[in-house]
Structure formats: C-alpha cells, structure tokens
Amino acid sequence: MKLYVARHGETTWNRERKICGRTDVPLTERGLLQARELAERVSGLHIDAILASPLQRAQDTAACVGERLGLPVLTEERLIEQSYGGFEGLDYEAGSLERHGWQFASRFRGGGESMMQMAARLYPLLDELRRTYRGKSVLLVCHGSVARVIHTYFHDVTNEEFAAFRMENGTFFSYEAEDLPEDNRRTTVRQLQEDVSAFNRARSWTGLSALNFAASISIEAAELLEIFQWCDQKEADEKALVTEREHFLEELADVLIYSIGLADQYGVDLTACVRDKLKKNAVKYPVEGGKER
C-alpha cells in the first residue's frame, strides 16, 4: 500500500509559536489556504481513503482534501496529537520542551503523553491500515508530533534525528508499506451475532428463553468455579493461565454463545447495549478525581 501523511494547515497557535497539542484551536486564513493547496497537490495521487485526527484543525484540512477528491473523511481517534500536558499554550521559544528533554518513556507533566505511549497507539493503527487497505493509497491528515512517530515506523532514526524532525503546515510525506495479510482473528460483535444466528437457524433451534438462558449460565458459572475452588489465588491464576486455560475459555465461550443467541432472538443490538451500559456504569462508578485514565 501507499501511505501519505499530511500535517494540517496553520493554526492561530502555530502563528503565535505556542505549544498546541490537544488544545483544539482553529485554522487561520493562511491555514485554510494551505489546506486547499494540499488538496490540489494530492489530487493526482489516486488516493482511496482519507483518515483524519478528531481535532478541528485536522478535520477542516481533511475536509478540503475530501471535497476536492470526492471522498469522505473518516475520523481516526488514534491520529490525535500528542498531549503536552502542562506545556500546552506555552511559548515554543521559551525552551520549556527542550528542558523537559526527549525522554521517550517520560510523560509530559500535567497529564501529558510520552513518546512511547504515542507509538503504542500509532504502530498498531499502521498495521491495521496495511491489512485493511491492501494495494491501495491512504492519506492520513494529522499533526507534527504524530507524523514524527509515524516516520519512525518506516525508518530507523537516532534520538537526535527524532528531535530534529520537522514537518511544515500543509505538507505531506509518502511511504511505501508492504501489505499485511488479513487478520481473520478479528471478529466484530455483529459478525459473532450472525455466526451464532446462522448456527441456530441451521438446526432449527428456537427454544431459547430467559429461563433456559439463566439455567445454562448457572451451569457454566458452576463449572468455571470448579477450576478455582480447590486452590489458593496464586495457584488459581497459574491453573487458569496454563493447565485449565482451555477449559476456562471453552466455558466462557459457551456463556457468550448463549448470550448472543438470546440477544438475536429478541433483536437486541449488543454493541449499542454495551455502550449504554458503559455510560450507566460511568455514572454509577465515577473515576476518582473526575478524569478517565
């Protein structure tokens, strides 16, 4: 596949030489012009998909490109800019970032993100793109620090080269990436529902009911407990991970099959159900300090 990595147009804070990060600041008039110029430069590259950071500066830049190419813009959360924590809004010229040092495992103070954390979210994304867009061309509209980490996915660089990496607003780099085979292990909730439904229909299994479901779950839960009841916690962990792992996973899979089968019978969207439950749990069990980790 062919990968193009573009930086958004100039923002108000870029113009004022302020550290931006996750702060959602708008493009300037010059930034909008750079976005339109970027759209023209990539118009002949036969791009198949556009993915953009959720921050507005990247969204607005990508929208210009998408309009020119006639392509939708897909929002990809993992392309969001690095969080600089307490450094955001400070003057670049003050040298505060340099004093922090390029210590890749160290988070920026005040809730910031480390370089390693960035790589942990960006490298898997790039692997996914190589599986999903095999033989195609993809444009990522993102940020300077994100582009720096993406560059290390394709090229070995020294710490000094990493720190010196710069990408101007409205510019892009290109990379060639070998296609990866499709990962057949990934299965969505919807695919699981369809598989279980097809299995039940082929056997004319229509006897699912709340009562049968409860009884089946009780049986499976009892068998799961048998794995642990005769040993202490440390031994239980070892047994679950080694000797009894297959047994444990088989019983757990049975629980999921019963759940999915019943959800299908009642026309329940499990994905929406899980999301709603998470929202309710977030209210019932708030994170200490009011911030998600």
Foldseek 3Di string as FASTA:
>chain_A
DKEKEAEAFAFPCVVVQFAAAQPQTAHDPRRLVLLLVLLVVCLPVQADAEEEAPRPRLVSSVVNNCVSNVYDYHYDPLQGGWFQAPRGGPHVVVCPVVVVPLPQVDARPHPTDGVVRNLVSLVVVVLVCLAPQPPGYYYYYHHFLNVLSVVCSQDPDDPVCSVVDGDHHSDMDMDDDHRDHHDPVDDDLVRLLVVLVVVCVVVVNPPQDPVVLVVLLVVLVVQLVVLPPPDDPVVSVVCCVPVCVVVNVVSVVVNVSSVSPVCVSVVHDVVVVVVVVVVVVCVVDPDVVRDDD
